[in-house]
Amino acid sequence: MSVRLGVLGCGSIARAAHLRSLARIEGAAVVAVADSDAANLAAARPLAPKAHAMRNYADVLGLADLDAVVIALPPGLH
């Protein structure tokens, strides 16, 4: 069974730590990534090539078959 994950925020820490770590976890599937900054989103795409890329965080949260999200946003946006 696979856990389907969304990642909210694709900044430098998400790209250097979260997305790389999730890619190594057996049974974890990043199905969506979101960032309002197009450059961050584009930089994250190679780290989660099968994930839907979205500019609005709410679009990820609205996915029906999502099991969990990683909140990789600045603390003020948690």
PDB file of N, CA and C in Angstrom:
ATOM      1  N   MET A   1       0.850  -1.182   0.000  1.00  0.00           N
ATOM      2  CA  MET A   1       0.000   0.000   0.000  1.00  0.00           C
ATOM      3  C   MET A   1       0.894   1.244   0.000  1.00  0.00           C
ATOM      4  N   SER A   2       0.532   2.196  -0.785  1.00  0.00           N
ATOM      5  CA  SER A   2       1.301   3.421  -0.919  1.00  0.00           C
ATOM      6  C   SER A   2       0.599   4.571  -0.202  1.00  0.00           C
ATOM      7  N   VAL A   3       1.375   5.415   0.443  1.00  0.00           N
ATOM      8  CA  VAL A   3       0.848   6.625   1.060  1.00  0.00           C
ATOM      9  C   VAL A   3       1.028   7.753   0.057  1.00  0.00           C
ATOM     10  N   ARG A   4      -0.076   8.403  -0.290  1.00  0.00           N
ATOM     11  CA  ARG A   4      -0.067   9.460  -1.301  1.00  0.00           C
ATOM     12  C   ARG A   4       0.070  10.807  -0.594  1.00  0.00           C
ATOM     13  N   LEU A   5       1.149  11.514  -0.948  1.00  0.00           N
ATOM     14  CA  LEU A   5       1.510  12.744  -0.250  1.00  0.00           C
ATOM     15  C   LEU A   5       1.458  13.967  -1.150  1.00  0.00           C
ATOM     16  N   GLY A   6       1.128  15.076  -0.544  1.00  0.00           N
ATOM     17  CA  GLY A   6       1.270  16.371  -1.179  1.00  0.00           C
ATOM     18  C   GLY A   6       2.331  17.146  -0.433  1.00  0.00           C
ATOM     19  N   VAL A   7       3.067  17.978  -1.128  1.00  0.00           N
ATOM     20  CA  VAL A   7       4.078  18.824  -0.498  1.00  0.00           C
ATOM     21  C   VAL A   7       3.691  20.268  -0.752  1.00  0.00           C
ATOM     22  N   LEU A   8       3.443  20.991   0.331  1.00  0.00           N
ATOM     23  CA  LEU A   8       3.070  22.399   0.244  1.00  0.00           C
ATOM     24  C   LEU A   8       4.314  23.238   0.491  1.00  0.00           C
ATOM     25  N   GLY A   9       4.776  23.881  -0.540  1.00  0.00           N
ATOM     26  CA  GLY A   9       6.003  24.676  -0.481  1.00  0.00           C
ATOM     27  C   GLY A   9       7.143  23.922  -1.143  1.00  0.00           C
ATOM     28  N   CYS A  10       7.779  24.555  -2.104  1.00  0.00           N
ATOM     29  CA  CYS A  10       8.859  23.920  -2.869  1.00  0.00           C
ATOM     30  C   CYS A  10      10.134  24.747  -2.817  1.00  0.00           C
ATOM     31  N   GLY A  11      10.334  25.444  -1.716  1.00  0.00           N
ATOM     32  CA  GLY A  11      11.529  26.270  -1.553  1.00  0.00           C
ATOM     33  C   GLY A  11      12.769  25.426  -1.348  1.00  0.00           C
ATOM     34  N   SER A  12      13.838  26.081  -0.994  1.00  0.00           N
ATOM     35  CA  SER A  12      15.144  25.413  -0.925  1.00  0.00           C
ATOM     36  C   SER A  12      15.176  24.256   0.065  1.00  0.00           C
ATOM     37  N   ILE A  13      14.541  24.376   1.215  1.00  0.00           N
ATOM     38  CA  ILE A  13      14.553  23.281   2.191  1.00  0.00           C
ATOM     39  C   ILE A  13      13.724  22.105   1.693  1.00  0.00           C
ATOM     40  N   ALA A  14      12.579  22.374   1.098  1.00  0.00           N
ATOM     41  CA  ALA A  14      11.767  21.287   0.536  1.00  0.00           C
ATOM     42  C   ALA A  14      12.550  20.542  -0.532  1.00  0.00           C
ATOM     43  N   ARG A  15      13.270  21.273  -1.363  1.00  0.00           N
ATOM     44  CA  ARG A  15      14.027  20.627  -2.445  1.00  0.00           C
ATOM     45  C   ARG A  15      15.261  19.905  -1.908  1.00  0.00           C
ATOM     46  N   ALA A  16      15.933  20.467  -0.942  1.00  0.00           N
ATOM     47  CA  ALA A  16      17.168  19.865  -0.430  1.00  0.00           C
ATOM     48  C   ALA A  16      16.893  18.709   0.534  1.00  0.00           C
ATOM     49  N   ALA A  17      15.785  18.756   1.249  1.00  0.00           N
ATOM     50  CA  ALA A  17      15.547  17.746   2.284  1.00  0.00           C
ATOM     51  C   ALA A  17      14.268  16.942   2.064  1.00  0.00           C
ATOM     52  N   HIS A  18      13.128  17.592   2.098  1.00  0.00           N
ATOM     53  CA  HIS A  18      11.857  16.873   2.099  1.00  0.00           C
ATOM     54  C   HIS A  18      11.636  16.007   0.853  1.00  0.00           C
ATOM     55  N   LEU A  19      11.719  16.607  -0.310  1.00  0.00           N
ATOM     56  CA  LEU A  19      11.441  15.846  -1.533  1.00  0.00           C
ATOM     57  C   LEU A  19      12.467  14.738  -1.755  1.00  0.00           C
ATOM     58  N   ARG A  20      13.715  14.986  -1.450  1.00  0.00           N
ATOM     59  CA  ARG A  20      14.750  13.956  -1.601  1.00  0.00           C
ATOM     60  C   ARG A  20      14.523  12.806  -0.620  1.00  0.00           C
ATOM     61  N   SER A  21      14.157  13.119   0.602  1.00  0.00           N
ATOM     62  CA  SER A  21      13.893  12.079   1.599  1.00  0.00           C
ATOM     63  C   SER A  21      12.666  11.258   1.232  1.00  0.00           C
ATOM     64  N   LEU A  22      11.610  11.930   0.818  1.00  0.00           N
ATOM     65  CA  LEU A  22      10.390  11.215   0.447  1.00  0.00           C
ATOM     66  C   LEU A  22      10.621  10.277  -0.732  1.00  0.00           C
ATOM     67  N   ALA A  23      11.475  10.660  -1.648  1.00  0.00           N
ATOM     68  CA  ALA A  23      11.760   9.813  -2.816  1.00  0.00           C
ATOM     69  C   ALA A  23      12.428   8.498  -2.423  1.00  0.00           C
ATOM     70  N   ARG A  24      13.074   8.471  -1.275  1.00  0.00           N
ATOM     71  CA  ARG A  24      13.769   7.259  -0.822  1.00  0.00           C
ATOM     72  C   ARG A  24      12.913   6.354   0.060  1.00  0.00           C
ATOM     73  N   ILE A  25      11.729   6.785   0.410  1.00  0.00           N
ATOM     74  CA  ILE A  25      10.873   6.002   1.305  1.00  0.00           C
ATOM     75  C   ILE A  25       9.990   5.069   0.487  1.00  0.00           C
ATOM     76  N   GLU A  26      10.193   3.782   0.695  1.00  0.00           N
ATOM     77  CA  GLU A  26       9.374   2.796   0.002  1.00  0.00           C
ATOM     78  C   GLU A  26       7.928   2.936   0.480  1.00  0.00           C
ATOM     79  N   GLY A  27       7.021   2.982  -0.462  1.00  0.00           N
ATOM     80  CA  GLY A  27       5.610   3.107  -0.133  1.00  0.00           C
ATOM     81  C   GLY A  27       5.113   4.538  -0.036  1.00  0.00           C
ATOM     82  N   ALA A  28       5.987   5.505  -0.207  1.00  0.00           N
ATOM     83  CA  ALA A  28       5.580   6.913  -0.209  1.00  0.00           C
ATOM     84  C   ALA A  28       5.556   7.408  -1.652  1.00  0.00           C
ATOM     85  N   ALA A  29       4.490   8.070  -2.016  1.00  0.00           N
ATOM     86  CA  ALA A  29       4.363   8.606  -3.367  1.00  0.00           C
ATOM     87  C   ALA A  29       3.966  10.075  -3.288  1.00  0.00           C
ATOM     88  N   VAL A  30       4.833  10.948  -3.762  1.00  0.00           N
ATOM     89  CA  VAL A  30       4.495  12.373  -3.832  1.00  0.00           C
ATOM     90  C   VAL A  30       3.645  12.552  -5.080  1.00  0.00           C
ATOM     91  N   VAL A  31       2.374  12.871  -4.871  1.00  0.00           N
ATOM     92  CA  VAL A  31       1.436  12.968  -5.990  1.00  0.00           C
ATOM     93  C   VAL A  31       1.136  14.407  -6.377  1.00  0.00           C
ATOM     94  N   ALA A  32       1.509  15.352  -5.504  1.00  0.00           N
ATOM     95  CA  ALA A  32       1.255  16.757  -5.811  1.00  0.00           C
ATOM     96  C   ALA A  32       2.250  17.634  -5.057  1.00  0.00           C
ATOM     97  N   VAL A  33       2.690  18.683  -5.720  1.00  0.00           N
ATOM     98  CA  VAL A  33       3.528  19.705  -5.103  1.00  0.00           C
ATOM     99  C   VAL A  33       2.893  21.053  -5.415  1.00  0.00           C
ATOM    100  N   ALA A  34       3.040  21.983  -4.482  1.00  0.00           N
ATOM    101  CA  ALA A  34       2.449  23.303  -4.694  1.00  0.00           C
ATOM    102  C   ALA A  34       3.394  24.391  -4.201  1.00  0.00           C
ATOM    103  N   ASP A  35       3.452  25.456  -4.966  1.00  0.00           N
ATOM    104  CA  ASP A  35       4.174  26.658  -4.557  1.00  0.00           C
ATOM    105  C   ASP A  35       3.638  27.808  -5.396  1.00  0.00           C
ATOM    106  N   SER A  36       3.450  28.949  -4.763  1.00  0.00           N
ATOM    107  CA  SER A  36       2.952  30.109  -5.506  1.00  0.00           C
ATOM    108  C   SER A  36       4.036  30.737  -6.364  1.00  0.00           C
ATOM    109  N   ASP A  37       5.295  30.393  -6.101  1.00  0.00           N
ATOM    110  CA  ASP A  37       6.424  30.904  -6.874  1.00  0.00           C
ATOM    111  C   ASP A  37       6.746  29.929  -8.008  1.00  0.00           C
ATOM    112  N   ALA A  38       6.592  30.370  -9.236  1.00  0.00           N
ATOM    113  CA  ALA A  38       6.787  29.496 -10.396  1.00  0.00           C
ATOM    114  C   ALA A  38       8.199  28.926 -10.466  1.00  0.00           C
ATOM    115  N   ALA A  39       9.200  29.699 -10.068  1.00  0.00           N
ATOM    116  CA  ALA A  39      10.582  29.217 -10.119  1.00  0.00           C
ATOM    117  C   ALA A  39      10.805  28.080  -9.123  1.00  0.00           C
ATOM    118  N   ASN A  40      10.251  28.202  -7.917  1.00  0.00           N
ATOM    119  CA  ASN A  40      10.370  27.121  -6.939  1.00  0.00           C
ATOM    120  C   ASN A  40       9.665  25.866  -7.434  1.00  0.00           C
ATOM    121  N   LEU A  41       8.506  26.046  -8.009  1.00  0.00           N
ATOM    122  CA  LEU A  41       7.737  24.912  -8.519  1.00  0.00           C
ATOM    123  C   LEU A  41       8.496  24.210  -9.638  1.00  0.00           C
ATOM    124  N   ALA A  42       9.072  24.971 -10.536  1.00  0.00           N
ATOM    125  CA  ALA A  42       9.842  24.389 -11.644  1.00  0.00           C
ATOM    126  C   ALA A  42      11.082  23.655 -11.129  1.00  0.00           C
ATOM    127  N   ALA A  43      11.721  24.199 -10.115  1.00  0.00           N
ATOM    128  CA  ALA A  43      12.915  23.557  -9.558  1.00  0.00           C
ATOM    129  C   ALA A  43      12.574  22.261  -8.836  1.00  0.00           C
ATOM    130  N   ALA A  44      11.366  22.141  -8.330  1.00  0.00           N
ATOM    131  CA  ALA A  44      10.945  20.930  -7.618  1.00  0.00           C
ATOM    132  C   ALA A  44      10.510  19.821  -8.567  1.00  0.00           C
ATOM    133  N   ARG A  45      10.116  20.155  -9.754  1.00  0.00           N
ATOM    134  CA  ARG A  45       9.573  19.155 -10.693  1.00  0.00           C
ATOM    135  C   ARG A  45      10.505  17.963 -10.915  1.00  0.00           C
ATOM    136  N   PRO A  46      11.803  18.152 -11.111  1.00  0.00           N
ATOM    137  CA  PRO A  46      12.670  16.979 -11.313  1.00  0.00           C
ATOM    138  C   PRO A  46      12.753  16.064 -10.088  1.00  0.00           C
ATOM    139  N   LEU A  47      12.461  16.586  -8.916  1.00  0.00           N
ATOM    140  CA  LEU A  47      12.523  15.786  -7.692  1.00  0.00           C
ATOM    141  C   LEU A  47      11.246  14.995  -7.449  1.00  0.00           C
ATOM    142  N   ALA A  48      10.178  15.363  -8.116  1.00  0.00           N
ATOM    143  CA  ALA A  48       8.894  14.666  -8.022  1.00  0.00           C
ATOM    144  C   ALA A  48       8.248  14.669  -9.401  1.00  0.00           C
ATOM    145  N   PRO A  49       8.878  13.973 -10.351  1.00  0.00           N
ATOM    146  CA  PRO A  49       8.448  14.090 -11.752  1.00  0.00           C
ATOM    147  C   PRO A  49       7.033  13.577 -12.042  1.00  0.00           C
ATOM    148  N   LYS A  50       6.490  12.714 -11.212  1.00  0.00           N
ATOM    149  CA  LYS A  50       5.140  12.188 -11.446  1.00  0.00           C
ATOM    150  C   LYS A  50       4.063  12.993 -10.724  1.00  0.00           C
ATOM    151  N   ALA A  51       4.474  13.961  -9.935  1.00  0.00           N
ATOM    152  CA  ALA A  51       3.527  14.745  -9.138  1.00  0.00           C
ATOM    153  C   ALA A  51       2.858  15.829  -9.976  1.00  0.00           C
ATOM    154  N   HIS A  52       1.625  16.119  -9.632  1.00  0.00           N
ATOM    155  CA  HIS A  52       0.924  17.264 -10.217  1.00  0.00           C
ATOM    156  C   HIS A  52       1.549  18.521  -9.616  1.00  0.00           C
ATOM    157  N   ALA A  53       1.858  19.488 -10.443  1.00  0.00           N
ATOM    158  CA  ALA A  53       2.417  20.757  -9.978  1.00  0.00           C
ATOM    159  C   ALA A  53       1.305  21.794  -9.953  1.00  0.00           C
ATOM    160  N   MET A  54       1.124  22.407  -8.803  1.00  0.00           N
ATOM    161  CA  MET A  54       0.026  23.349  -8.622  1.00  0.00           C
ATOM    162  C   MET A  54       0.536  24.650  -8.022  1.00  0.00           C
ATOM    163  N   ARG A  55      -0.061  25.748  -8.415  1.00  0.00           N
ATOM    164  CA  ARG A  55       0.343  27.058  -7.896  1.00  0.00           C
ATOM    165  C   ARG A  55      -0.434  27.436  -6.637  1.00  0.00           C
ATOM    166  N   ASN A  56      -1.551  26.750  -6.384  1.00  0.00           N
ATOM    167  CA  ASN A  56      -2.408  27.082  -5.254  1.00  0.00           C
ATOM    168  C   ASN A  56      -2.420  25.911  -4.268  1.00  0.00           C
ATOM    169  N   TYR A  57      -2.060  26.178  -3.016  1.00  0.00           N
ATOM    170  CA  TYR A  57      -2.023  25.131  -2.000  1.00  0.00           C
ATOM    171  C   TYR A  57      -3.381  24.472  -1.792  1.00  0.00           C
ATOM    172  N   ALA A  58      -4.440  25.245  -1.915  1.00  0.00           N
ATOM    173  CA  ALA A  58      -5.785  24.713  -1.712  1.00  0.00           C
ATOM    174  C   ALA A  58      -6.118  23.629  -2.727  1.00  0.00           C
ATOM    175  N   ASP A  59      -5.551  23.717  -3.920  1.00  0.00           N
ATOM    176  CA  ASP A  59      -5.796  22.690  -4.935  1.00  0.00           C
ATOM    177  C   ASP A  59      -5.250  21.332  -4.490  1.00  0.00           C
ATOM    178  N   VAL A  60      -4.122  21.336  -3.813  1.00  0.00           N
ATOM    179  CA  VAL A  60      -3.559  20.082  -3.285  1.00  0.00           C
ATOM    180  C   VAL A  60      -4.468  19.545  -2.194  1.00  0.00           C
ATOM    181  N   LEU A  61      -4.880  20.404  -1.280  1.00  0.00           N
ATOM    182  CA  LEU A  61      -5.725  19.972  -0.179  1.00  0.00           C
ATOM    183  C   LEU A  61      -7.074  19.447  -0.654  1.00  0.00           C
ATOM    184  N   GLY A  62      -7.496  19.852  -1.827  1.00  0.00           N
ATOM    185  CA  GLY A  62      -8.761  19.406  -2.380  1.00  0.00           C
ATOM    186  C   GLY A  62      -8.708  18.070  -3.096  1.00  0.00           C
ATOM    187  N   LEU A  63      -7.521  17.484  -3.233  1.00  0.00           N
ATOM    188  CA  LEU A  63      -7.420  16.193  -3.907  1.00  0.00           C
ATOM    189  C   LEU A  63      -8.093  15.109  -3.072  1.00  0.00           C
ATOM    190  N   ALA A  64      -8.941  14.338  -3.695  1.00  0.00           N
ATOM    191  CA  ALA A  64      -9.738  13.342  -2.978  1.00  0.00           C
ATOM    192  C   ALA A  64      -8.914  12.168  -2.465  1.00  0.00           C
ATOM    193  N   ASP A  65      -7.876  11.799  -3.173  1.00  0.00           N
ATOM    194  CA  ASP A  65      -7.143  10.590  -2.806  1.00  0.00           C
ATOM    195  C   ASP A  65      -5.790  10.880  -2.157  1.00  0.00           C
ATOM    196  N   LEU A  66      -5.689  11.997  -1.481  1.00  0.00           N
ATOM    197  CA  LEU A  66      -4.472  12.387  -0.787  1.00  0.00           C
ATOM    198  C   LEU A  66      -4.536  11.876   0.655  1.00  0.00           C
ATOM    199  N   ASP A  67      -3.450  11.274   1.121  1.00  0.00           N
ATOM    200  CA  ASP A  67      -3.427  10.738   2.483  1.00  0.00           C
ATOM    201  C   ASP A  67      -2.854  11.728   3.498  1.00  0.00           C
ATOM    202  N   ALA A  68      -1.880  12.527   3.089  1.00  0.00           N
ATOM    203  CA  ALA A  68      -1.207  13.438   4.016  1.00  0.00           C
ATOM    204  C   ALA A  68      -0.503  14.529   3.236  1.00  0.00           C
ATOM    205  N   VAL A  69      -0.140  15.589   3.943  1.00  0.00           N
ATOM    206  CA  VAL A  69       0.648  16.656   3.335  1.00  0.00           C
ATOM    207  C   VAL A  69       1.873  16.944   4.192  1.00  0.00           C
ATOM    208  N   VAL A  70       2.925  17.359   3.534  1.00  0.00           N
ATOM    209  CA  VAL A  70       4.111  17.872   4.188  1.00  0.00           C
ATOM    210  C   VAL A  70       4.024  19.385   4.063  1.00  0.00           C
ATOM    211  N   ILE A  71       4.058  20.081   5.174  1.00  0.00           N
ATOM    212  CA  ILE A  71       3.980  21.542   5.152  1.00  0.00           C
ATOM    213  C   ILE A  71       5.405  22.071   5.207  1.00  0.00           C
ATOM    214  N   ALA A  72       5.904  22.448   4.047  1.00  0.00           N
ATOM    215  CA  ALA A  72       7.268  22.961   3.909  1.00  0.00           C
ATOM    216  C   ALA A  72       7.230  24.448   3.591  1.00  0.00           C
ATOM    217  N   LEU A  73       6.421  25.149   4.362  1.00  0.00           N
ATOM    218  CA  LEU A  73       6.218  26.585   4.174  1.00  0.00           C
ATOM    219  C   LEU A  73       6.906  27.348   5.292  1.00  0.00           C
ATOM    220  N   PRO A  74       7.148  28.637   5.098  1.00  0.00           N
ATOM    221  CA  PRO A  74       7.678  29.441   6.198  1.00  0.00           C
ATOM    222  C   PRO A  74       6.746  29.354   7.412  1.00  0.00           C
ATOM    223  N   PRO A  75       7.293  29.408   8.619  1.00  0.00           N
ATOM    224  CA  PRO A  75       6.477  29.242   9.835  1.00  0.00           C
ATOM    225  C   PRO A  75       5.222  30.102   9.885  1.00  0.00           C
ATOM    226  N   GLY A  76       5.281  31.305   9.387  1.00  0.00           N
ATOM    227  CA  GLY A  76       4.123  32.184   9.411  1.00  0.00           C
ATOM    228  C   GLY A  76       2.965  31.700   8.563  1.00  0.00           C
ATOM    229  N   LEU A  77       3.213  30.765   7.667  1.00  0.00           N
ATOM    230  CA  LEU A  77       2.152  30.246   6.806  1.00  0.00           C
ATOM    231  C   LEU A  77       1.610  28.889   7.264  1.00  0.00           C
ATOM    232  N   HIS A  78       2.119  28.381   8.366  1.00  0.00           N
ATOM    233  CA  HIS A  78       1.616  27.096   8.885  1.00  0.00           C
ATOM    234  C   HIS A  78       0.213  27.274   9.396  1.00  0.00           C
TER     235      HIS A  78
END
